[in-house]
């Protein structure tokens, strides 16, 4: 009800159908294998902070992705913006 009250539509894959949400499933697996299973957290707040740091400092900036042409997500986003800005500048 809270999400709907804020205009957010819930989208979930069917139970037992991980292939319906492959990108999210792969991200969660990576976070578990490369951060969660290798760490000990003091409490939920510590886990939240450490996992956030992993996503921002490792997953987004150091980990290349084949689906992004072997760039990191940050590199891919920068390239996209540069291309987008260039195309806007060249438009009449």
PDB file of N, CA and C in Angstrom:
ATOM      1  N   UNK A   1       0.815  -1.197   0.000  1.00  0.00           N
ATOM      2  CA  UNK A   1       0.000   0.000   0.000  1.00  0.00           C
ATOM      3  C   UNK A   1       0.860   1.264   0.000  1.00  0.00           C
ATOM      4  N   UNK A   2       1.987   1.228   0.729  1.00  0.00           N
ATOM      5  CA  UNK A   2       2.865   2.391   0.798  1.00  0.00           C
ATOM      6  C   UNK A   2       3.436   2.721  -0.575  1.00  0.00           C
ATOM      7  N   UNK A   3       3.914   1.700  -1.301  1.00  0.00           N
ATOM      8  CA  UNK A   3       4.464   1.946  -2.629  1.00  0.00           C
ATOM      9  C   UNK A   3       3.404   2.504  -3.567  1.00  0.00           C
ATOM     10  N   UNK A   4       2.235   1.900  -3.548  1.00  0.00           N
ATOM     11  CA  UNK A   4       1.152   2.357  -4.415  1.00  0.00           C
ATOM     12  C   UNK A   4       0.724   3.778  -4.061  1.00  0.00           C
ATOM     13  N   UNK A   5       0.769   4.126  -2.786  1.00  0.00           N
ATOM     14  CA  UNK A   5       0.415   5.474  -2.360  1.00  0.00           C
ATOM     15  C   UNK A   5       1.369   6.515  -2.938  1.00  0.00           C
ATOM     16  N   UNK A   6       2.588   6.084  -3.255  1.00  0.00           N
ATOM     17  CA  UNK A   6       3.585   6.981  -3.844  1.00  0.00           C
ATOM     18  C   UNK A   6       3.692   6.803  -5.357  1.00  0.00           C
ATOM     19  N   UNK A   7       2.738   6.094  -5.943  1.00  0.00           N
ATOM     20  CA  UNK A   7       2.716   5.926  -7.392  1.00  0.00           C
ATOM     21  C   UNK A   7       3.734   4.942  -7.930  1.00  0.00           C
ATOM     22  N   UNK A   8       4.206   4.038  -7.081  1.00  0.00           N
ATOM     23  CA  UNK A   8       5.203   3.052  -7.492  1.00  0.00           C
ATOM     24  C   UNK A   8       4.504   1.732  -7.758  1.00  0.00           C
ATOM     25  N   UNK A   9       4.693   1.209  -8.969  1.00  0.00           N
ATOM     26  CA  UNK A   9       4.078  -0.063  -9.331  1.00  0.00           C
ATOM     27  C   UNK A   9       5.057  -1.194  -9.041  1.00  0.00           C
ATOM     28  N   UNK A  10       4.599  -2.200  -8.355  1.00  0.00           N
ATOM     29  CA  UNK A  10       5.427  -3.343  -8.002  1.00  0.00           C
ATOM     30  C   UNK A  10       5.500  -4.284  -9.195  1.00  0.00           C
ATOM     31  N   UNK A  11       6.712  -4.734  -9.492  1.00  0.00           N
ATOM     32  CA  UNK A  11       6.908  -5.680 -10.589  1.00  0.00           C
ATOM     33  C   UNK A  11       7.739  -6.834 -10.057  1.00  0.00           C
ATOM     34  N   UNK A  12       7.171  -8.015 -10.065  1.00  0.00           N
ATOM     35  CA  UNK A  12       7.889  -9.175  -9.548  1.00  0.00           C
ATOM     36  C   UNK A  12       7.813 -10.310 -10.552  1.00  0.00           C
ATOM     37  N   UNK A  13       8.883 -11.094 -10.591  1.00  0.00           N
ATOM     38  CA  UNK A  13       8.884 -12.297 -11.415  1.00  0.00           C
ATOM     39  C   UNK A  13       8.074 -13.374 -10.692  1.00  0.00           C
ATOM     40  N   UNK A  14       7.620 -14.336 -11.440  1.00  0.00           N
ATOM     41  CA  UNK A  14       6.888 -15.453 -10.842  1.00  0.00           C
ATOM     42  C   UNK A  14       7.822 -16.267  -9.949  1.00  0.00           C
ATOM     43  N   UNK A  15       7.289 -16.887  -8.929  1.00  0.00           N
ATOM     44  CA  UNK A  15       8.079 -17.705  -8.014  1.00  0.00           C
ATOM     45  C   UNK A  15       8.755 -18.822  -8.793  1.00  0.00           C
ATOM     46  N   UNK A  16      10.075 -18.965  -8.572  1.00  0.00           N
ATOM     47  CA  UNK A  16      10.834 -20.020  -9.234  1.00  0.00           C
ATOM     48  C   UNK A  16      11.191 -19.713 -10.674  1.00  0.00           C
ATOM     49  N   UNK A  17      11.019 -18.471 -11.108  1.00  0.00           N
ATOM     50  CA  UNK A  17      11.295 -18.079 -12.495  1.00  0.00           C
ATOM     51  C   UNK A  17      12.367 -16.989 -12.523  1.00  0.00           C
ATOM     52  N   UNK A  18      13.563 -17.319 -12.050  1.00  0.00           N
ATOM     53  CA  UNK A  18      14.648 -16.341 -11.982  1.00  0.00           C
ATOM     54  C   UNK A  18      14.986 -15.765 -13.351  1.00  0.00           C
ATOM     55  N   UNK A  19      14.779 -16.553 -14.410  1.00  0.00           N
ATOM     56  CA  UNK A  19      15.117 -16.082 -15.754  1.00  0.00           C
ATOM     57  C   UNK A  19      14.266 -14.887 -16.185  1.00  0.00           C
ATOM     58  N   UNK A  20      13.161 -14.651 -15.517  1.00  0.00           N
ATOM     59  CA  UNK A  20      12.323 -13.501 -15.840  1.00  0.00           C
ATOM     60  C   UNK A  20      12.956 -12.190 -15.383  1.00  0.00           C
ATOM     61  N   UNK A  21      13.921 -12.265 -14.504  1.00  0.00           N
ATOM     62  CA  UNK A  21      14.560 -11.072 -13.963  1.00  0.00           C
ATOM     63  C   UNK A  21      16.063 -11.311 -13.859  1.00  0.00           C
ATOM     64  N   UNK A  22      16.652 -11.764 -14.953  1.00  0.00           N
ATOM     65  CA  UNK A  22      18.042 -12.197 -14.966  1.00  0.00           C
ATOM     66  C   UNK A  22      19.058 -11.168 -14.530  1.00  0.00           C
ATOM     67  N   UNK A  23      18.896  -9.915 -14.954  1.00  0.00           N
ATOM     68  CA  UNK A  23      19.880  -8.892 -14.599  1.00  0.00           C
ATOM     69  C   UNK A  23      19.912  -8.657 -13.088  1.00  0.00           C
ATOM     70  N   UNK A  24      18.750  -8.541 -12.489  1.00  0.00           N
ATOM     71  CA  UNK A  24      18.685  -8.326 -11.040  1.00  0.00           C
ATOM     72  C   UNK A  24      19.211  -9.539 -10.289  1.00  0.00           C
ATOM     73  N   UNK A  25      18.860 -10.739 -10.765  1.00  0.00           N
ATOM     74  CA  UNK A  25      19.340 -11.963 -10.116  1.00  0.00           C
ATOM     75  C   UNK A  25      20.862 -12.032 -10.163  1.00  0.00           C
ATOM     76  N   UNK A  26      21.461 -11.658 -11.285  1.00  0.00           N
ATOM     77  CA  UNK A  26      22.919 -11.699 -11.421  1.00  0.00           C
ATOM     78  C   UNK A  26      23.572 -10.667 -10.514  1.00  0.00           C
ATOM     79  N   UNK A  27      22.992  -9.497 -10.420  1.00  0.00           N
ATOM     80  CA  UNK A  27      23.526  -8.463  -9.533  1.00  0.00           C
ATOM     81  C   UNK A  27      23.505  -8.940  -8.088  1.00  0.00           C
ATOM     82  N   UNK A  28      22.395  -9.499  -7.647  1.00  0.00           N
ATOM     83  CA  UNK A  28      22.293  -9.995  -6.274  1.00  0.00           C
ATOM     84  C   UNK A  28      23.320 -11.090  -6.031  1.00  0.00           C
ATOM     85  N   UNK A  29      23.489 -11.992  -6.983  1.00  0.00           N
ATOM     86  CA  UNK A  29      24.484 -13.065  -6.843  1.00  0.00           C
ATOM     87  C   UNK A  29      25.887 -12.487  -6.689  1.00  0.00           C
ATOM     88  N   UNK A  30      26.221 -11.493  -7.512  1.00  0.00           N
ATOM     89  CA  UNK A  30      27.538 -10.867  -7.436  1.00  0.00           C
ATOM     90  C   UNK A  30      27.749 -10.211  -6.078  1.00  0.00           C
ATOM     91  N   UNK A  31      26.764  -9.486  -5.591  1.00  0.00           N
ATOM     92  CA  UNK A  31      26.881  -8.836  -4.285  1.00  0.00           C
ATOM     93  C   UNK A  31      27.088  -9.878  -3.191  1.00  0.00           C
ATOM     94  N   UNK A  32      26.347 -10.965  -3.252  1.00  0.00           N
ATOM     95  CA  UNK A  32      26.502 -12.019  -2.246  1.00  0.00           C
ATOM     96  C   UNK A  32      27.891 -12.641  -2.306  1.00  0.00           C
ATOM     97  N   UNK A  33      28.330 -13.028  -3.507  1.00  0.00           N
ATOM     98  CA  UNK A  33      29.597 -13.748  -3.652  1.00  0.00           C
ATOM     99  C   UNK A  33      30.818 -12.876  -3.395  1.00  0.00           C
ATOM    100  N   UNK A  34      30.761 -11.610  -3.784  1.00  0.00           N
ATOM    101  CA  UNK A  34      31.940 -10.755  -3.701  1.00  0.00           C
ATOM    102  C   UNK A  34      31.954  -9.823  -2.495  1.00  0.00           C
ATOM    103  N   UNK A  35      30.845  -9.742  -1.771  1.00  0.00           N
ATOM    104  CA  UNK A  35      30.798  -8.870  -0.597  1.00  0.00           C
ATOM    105  C   UNK A  35      30.203  -9.573   0.614  1.00  0.00           C
ATOM    106  N   UNK A  36      28.972  -9.983   0.548  1.00  0.00           N
ATOM    107  CA  UNK A  36      28.256 -10.473   1.727  1.00  0.00           C
ATOM    108  C   UNK A  36      28.913 -11.709   2.329  1.00  0.00           C
ATOM    109  N   UNK A  37      29.187 -12.719   1.512  1.00  0.00           N
ATOM    110  CA  UNK A  37      29.742 -13.970   2.037  1.00  0.00           C
ATOM    111  C   UNK A  37      31.171 -13.809   2.554  1.00  0.00           C
ATOM    112  N   UNK A  38      31.838 -12.727   2.186  1.00  0.00           N
ATOM    113  CA  UNK A  38      33.223 -12.498   2.598  1.00  0.00           C
ATOM    114  C   UNK A  38      33.334 -11.522   3.765  1.00  0.00           C
ATOM    115  N   UNK A  39      32.213 -11.049   4.273  1.00  0.00           N
ATOM    116  CA  UNK A  39      32.224 -10.002   5.293  1.00  0.00           C
ATOM    117  C   UNK A  39      31.453 -10.409   6.534  1.00  0.00           C
ATOM    118  N   UNK A  40      31.795  -9.755   7.624  1.00  0.00           N
ATOM    119  CA  UNK A  40      31.035  -9.883   8.869  1.00  0.00           C
ATOM    120  C   UNK A  40      30.541  -8.486   9.222  1.00  0.00           C
ATOM    121  N   UNK A  41      29.257  -8.367   9.450  1.00  0.00           N
ATOM    122  CA  UNK A  41      28.655  -7.071   9.745  1.00  0.00           C
ATOM    123  C   UNK A  41      28.246  -7.015  11.215  1.00  0.00           C
ATOM    124  N   UNK A  42      28.424  -5.839  11.821  1.00  0.00           N
ATOM    125  CA  UNK A  42      28.041  -5.653  13.221  1.00  0.00           C
ATOM    126  C   UNK A  42      26.526  -5.693  13.388  1.00  0.00           C
ATOM    127  N   UNK A  43      25.833  -5.076  12.432  1.00  0.00           N
ATOM    128  CA  UNK A  43      24.376  -4.991  12.501  1.00  0.00           C
ATOM    129  C   UNK A  43      23.852  -4.625  11.118  1.00  0.00           C
ATOM    130  N   UNK A  44      22.542  -4.436  11.026  1.00  0.00           N
ATOM    131  CA  UNK A  44      21.932  -4.122   9.736  1.00  0.00           C
ATOM    132  C   UNK A  44      22.496  -2.835   9.150  1.00  0.00           C
ATOM    133  N   UNK A  45      22.687  -1.838   9.994  1.00  0.00           N
ATOM    134  CA  UNK A  45      23.202  -0.551   9.530  1.00  0.00           C
ATOM    135  C   UNK A  45      24.591  -0.706   8.917  1.00  0.00           C
ATOM    136  N   UNK A  46      25.434  -1.497   9.562  1.00  0.00           N
ATOM    137  CA  UNK A  46      26.779  -1.755   9.041  1.00  0.00           C
ATOM    138  C   UNK A  46      26.704  -2.500   7.711  1.00  0.00           C
ATOM    139  N   UNK A  47      25.836  -3.500   7.628  1.00  0.00           N
ATOM    140  CA  UNK A  47      25.665  -4.252   6.377  1.00  0.00           C
ATOM    141  C   UNK A  47      25.208  -3.315   5.263  1.00  0.00           C
ATOM    142  N   UNK A  48      24.245  -2.472   5.558  1.00  0.00           N
ATOM    143  CA  UNK A  48      23.728  -1.524   4.569  1.00  0.00           C
ATOM    144  C   UNK A  48      24.847  -0.616   4.063  1.00  0.00           C
ATOM    145  N   UNK A  49      25.649  -0.095   4.980  1.00  0.00           N
ATOM    146  CA  UNK A  49      26.739   0.806   4.604  1.00  0.00           C
ATOM    147  C   UNK A  49      27.807   0.087   3.787  1.00  0.00           C
ATOM    148  N   UNK A  50      28.216  -1.094   4.240  1.00  0.00           N
ATOM    149  CA  UNK A  50      29.285  -1.826   3.552  1.00  0.00           C
ATOM    150  C   UNK A  50      28.850  -2.306   2.168  1.00  0.00           C
ATOM    151  N   UNK A  51      27.635  -2.782   2.055  1.00  0.00           N
ATOM    152  CA  UNK A  51      27.138  -3.228   0.745  1.00  0.00           C
ATOM    153  C   UNK A  51      27.012  -2.026  -0.187  1.00  0.00           C
ATOM    154  N   UNK A  52      26.563  -0.905   0.343  1.00  0.00           N
ATOM    155  CA  UNK A  52      26.499   0.319  -0.460  1.00  0.00           C
ATOM    156  C   UNK A  52      27.865   0.734  -0.970  1.00  0.00           C
ATOM    157  N   UNK A  53      28.875   0.647  -0.105  1.00  0.00           N
ATOM    158  CA  UNK A  53      30.246   0.965  -0.517  1.00  0.00           C
ATOM    159  C   UNK A  53      30.721   0.007  -1.601  1.00  0.00           C
ATOM    160  N   UNK A  54      30.418  -1.272  -1.449  1.00  0.00           N
ATOM    161  CA  UNK A  54      30.808  -2.252  -2.468  1.00  0.00           C
ATOM    162  C   UNK A  54      30.194  -1.899  -3.817  1.00  0.00           C
ATOM    163  N   UNK A  55      28.917  -1.599  -3.821  1.00  0.00           N
ATOM    164  CA  UNK A  55      28.241  -1.285  -5.085  1.00  0.00           C
ATOM    165  C   UNK A  55      28.859  -0.042  -5.719  1.00  0.00           C
ATOM    166  N   UNK A  56      29.048   1.011  -4.940  1.00  0.00           N
ATOM    167  CA  UNK A  56      29.580   2.262  -5.482  1.00  0.00           C
ATOM    168  C   UNK A  56      31.066   2.191  -5.818  1.00  0.00           C
ATOM    169  N   UNK A  57      31.864   1.586  -4.941  1.00  0.00           N
ATOM    170  CA  UNK A  57      33.319   1.610  -5.098  1.00  0.00           C
ATOM    171  C   UNK A  57      33.882   0.468  -5.931  1.00  0.00           C
ATOM    172  N   UNK A  58      33.177  -0.648  -6.023  1.00  0.00           N
ATOM    173  CA  UNK A  58      33.686  -1.803  -6.765  1.00  0.00           C
ATOM    174  C   UNK A  58      32.814  -2.093  -7.977  1.00  0.00           C
ATOM    175  N   UNK A  59      31.564  -2.427  -7.740  1.00  0.00           N
ATOM    176  CA  UNK A  59      30.691  -2.866  -8.832  1.00  0.00           C
ATOM    177  C   UNK A  59      30.549  -1.794  -9.911  1.00  0.00           C
ATOM    178  N   UNK A  60      30.371  -0.559  -9.513  1.00  0.00           N
ATOM    179  CA  UNK A  60      30.119   0.509 -10.487  1.00  0.00           C
ATOM    180  C   UNK A  60      31.391   1.075 -11.114  1.00  0.00           C
ATOM    181  N   UNK A  61      32.523   0.999 -10.422  1.00  0.00           N
ATOM    182  CA  UNK A  61      33.722   1.686 -10.919  1.00  0.00           C
ATOM    183  C   UNK A  61      34.882   0.784 -11.303  1.00  0.00           C
ATOM    184  N   UNK A  62      34.916  -0.456 -10.812  1.00  0.00           N
ATOM    185  CA  UNK A  62      36.066  -1.319 -11.082  1.00  0.00           C
ATOM    186  C   UNK A  62      35.713  -2.603 -11.812  1.00  0.00           C
ATOM    187  N   UNK A  63      34.474  -3.007 -11.756  1.00  0.00           N
ATOM    188  CA  UNK A  63      34.072  -4.305 -12.314  1.00  0.00           C
ATOM    189  C   UNK A  63      33.539  -4.114 -13.729  1.00  0.00           C
ATOM    190  N   UNK A  64      34.270  -4.678 -14.726  1.00  0.00           N
ATOM    191  CA  UNK A  64      33.826  -4.547 -16.112  1.00  0.00           C
ATOM    192  C   UNK A  64      32.670  -5.504 -16.386  1.00  0.00           C
ATOM    193  N   UNK A  65      31.858  -5.151 -17.370  1.00  0.00           N
ATOM    194  CA  UNK A  65      30.677  -5.935 -17.710  1.00  0.00           C
ATOM    195  C   UNK A  65      30.679  -6.212 -19.207  1.00  0.00           C
ATOM    196  N   UNK A  66      30.578  -7.466 -19.576  1.00  0.00           N
ATOM    197  CA  UNK A  66      30.571  -7.816 -20.999  1.00  0.00           C
ATOM    198  C   UNK A  66      29.389  -7.177 -21.717  1.00  0.00           C
ATOM    199  N   UNK A  67      28.256  -7.072 -21.043  1.00  0.00           N
ATOM    200  CA  UNK A  67      27.070  -6.481 -21.677  1.00  0.00           C
ATOM    201  C   UNK A  67      27.236  -4.985 -21.927  1.00  0.00           C
ATOM    202  N   UNK A  68      28.250  -4.373 -21.329  1.00  0.00           N
ATOM    203  CA  UNK A  68      28.519  -2.945 -21.527  1.00  0.00           C
ATOM    204  C   UNK A  68      29.770  -2.738 -22.372  1.00  0.00           C
ATOM    205  N   UNK A  69      30.118  -3.733 -23.178  1.00  0.00           N
ATOM    206  CA  UNK A  69      31.304  -3.616 -24.026  1.00  0.00           C
ATOM    207  C   UNK A  69      32.594  -3.641 -23.230  1.00  0.00           C
ATOM    208  N   UNK A  70      32.607  -4.375 -22.136  1.00  0.00           N
ATOM    209  CA  UNK A  70      33.758  -4.514 -21.247  1.00  0.00           C
ATOM    210  C   UNK A  70      34.187  -3.180 -20.641  1.00  0.00           C
ATOM    211  N   UNK A  71      33.201  -2.361 -20.344  1.00  0.00           N
ATOM    212  CA  UNK A  71      33.403  -1.129 -19.589  1.00  0.00           C
ATOM    213  C   UNK A  71      32.774  -1.311 -18.218  1.00  0.00           C
ATOM    214  N   UNK A  72      33.174  -0.468 -17.277  1.00  0.00           N
ATOM    215  CA  UNK A  72      32.465  -0.433 -16.001  1.00  0.00           C
ATOM    216  C   UNK A  72      31.167   0.346 -16.217  1.00  0.00           C
ATOM    217  N   UNK A  73      30.194   0.204 -15.327  1.00  0.00           N
ATOM    218  CA  UNK A  73      28.972   1.004 -15.482  1.00  0.00           C
ATOM    219  C   UNK A  73      29.239   2.510 -15.519  1.00  0.00           C
ATOM    220  N   UNK A  74      30.180   2.974 -14.726  1.00  0.00           N
ATOM    221  CA  UNK A  74      30.493   4.405 -14.725  1.00  0.00           C
ATOM    222  C   UNK A  74      31.100   4.818 -16.063  1.00  0.00           C
ATOM    223  N   UNK A  75      32.037   4.021 -16.589  1.00  0.00           N
ATOM    224  CA  UNK A  75      32.631   4.333 -17.894  1.00  0.00           C
ATOM    225  C   UNK A  75      31.571   4.336 -18.992  1.00  0.00           C
ATOM    226  N   UNK A  76      30.678   3.367 -18.923  1.00  0.00           N
ATOM    227  CA  UNK A  76      29.612   3.276 -19.923  1.00  0.00           C
ATOM    228  C   UNK A  76      28.709   4.500 -19.864  1.00  0.00           C
ATOM    229  N   UNK A  77      28.349   4.908 -18.658  1.00  0.00           N
ATOM    230  CA  UNK A  77      27.483   6.078 -18.514  1.00  0.00           C
ATOM    231  C   UNK A  77      28.168   7.340 -19.028  1.00  0.00           C
ATOM    232  N   UNK A  78      29.452   7.496 -18.720  1.00  0.00           N
ATOM    233  CA  UNK A  78      30.196   8.666 -19.207  1.00  0.00           C
ATOM    234  C   UNK A  78      30.219   8.675 -20.731  1.00  0.00           C
ATOM    235  N   UNK A  79      30.512   7.517 -21.335  1.00  0.00           N
ATOM    236  CA  UNK A  79      30.536   7.424 -22.800  1.00  0.00           C
ATOM    237  C   UNK A  79      29.165   7.736 -23.385  1.00  0.00           C
ATOM    238  N   UNK A  80      28.110   7.244 -22.734  1.00  0.00           N
ATOM    239  CA  UNK A  80      26.757   7.512 -23.225  1.00  0.00           C
ATOM    240  C   UNK A  80      26.460   9.001 -23.188  1.00  0.00           C
ATOM    241  N   UNK A  81      26.780   9.646 -22.069  1.00  0.00           N
ATOM    242  CA  UNK A  81      26.516  11.078 -21.953  1.00  0.00           C
ATOM    243  C   UNK A  81      27.327  11.870 -22.971  1.00  0.00           C
ATOM    244  N   UNK A  82      28.590  11.504 -23.165  1.00  0.00           N
ATOM    245  CA  UNK A  82      29.416  12.210 -24.148  1.00  0.00           C
ATOM    246  C   UNK A  82      28.821  12.076 -25.545  1.00  0.00           C
ATOM    247  N   UNK A  83      28.378  10.880 -25.892  1.00  0.00           N
ATOM    248  CA  UNK A  83      27.754  10.642 -27.190  1.00  0.00           C
ATOM    249  C   UNK A  83      26.445  11.418 -27.312  1.00  0.00           C
ATOM    250  N   UNK A  84      25.657  11.402 -26.252  1.00  0.00           N
ATOM    251  CA  UNK A  84      24.367  12.095 -26.258  1.00  0.00           C
ATOM    252  C   UNK A  84      24.566  13.602 -26.393  1.00  0.00           C
ATOM    253  N   UNK A  85      25.494  14.144 -25.646  1.00  0.00           N
ATOM    254  CA  UNK A  85      25.767  15.581 -25.710  1.00  0.00           C
ATOM    255  C   UNK A  85      26.273  15.951 -27.097  1.00  0.00           C
ATOM    256  N   UNK A  86      27.158  15.125 -27.657  1.00  0.00           N
ATOM    257  CA  UNK A  86      27.692  15.382 -28.992  1.00  0.00           C
ATOM    258  C   UNK A  86      26.575  15.395 -30.030  1.00  0.00           C
ATOM    259  N   UNK A  87      25.653  14.426 -29.943  1.00  0.00           N
ATOM    260  CA  UNK A  87      24.558  14.374 -30.918  1.00  0.00           C
ATOM    261  C   UNK A  87      23.623  15.573 -30.766  1.00  0.00           C
ATOM    262  N   UNK A  88      23.426  16.042 -29.551  1.00  0.00           N
ATOM    263  CA  UNK A  88      22.595  17.227 -29.327  1.00  0.00           C
ATOM    264  C   UNK A  88      23.283  18.460 -29.897  1.00  0.00           C
ATOM    265  N   UNK A  89      24.594  18.550 -29.719  1.00  0.00           N
ATOM    266  CA  UNK A  89      25.358  19.697 -30.221  1.00  0.00           C
ATOM    267  C   UNK A  89      25.351  19.738 -31.747  1.00  0.00           C
ATOM    268  N   UNK A  90      25.290  18.570 -32.380  1.00  0.00           N
ATOM    269  CA  UNK A  90      25.325  18.503 -33.839  1.00  0.00           C
ATOM    270  C   UNK A  90      23.948  18.654 -34.467  1.00  0.00           C
ATOM    271  N   UNK A  91      22.900  18.572 -33.676  1.00  0.00           N
ATOM    272  CA  UNK A  91      21.538  18.702 -34.204  1.00  0.00           C
ATOM    273  C   UNK A  91      21.250  20.150 -34.568  1.00  0.00           C
ATOM    274  N   UNK A  92      20.484  20.348 -35.662  1.00  0.00           N
ATOM    275  CA  UNK A  92      20.162  21.737 -36.056  1.00  0.00           C
ATOM    276  C   UNK A  92      19.193  22.395 -35.099  1.00  0.00           C
TER     277      UNK A  92
END
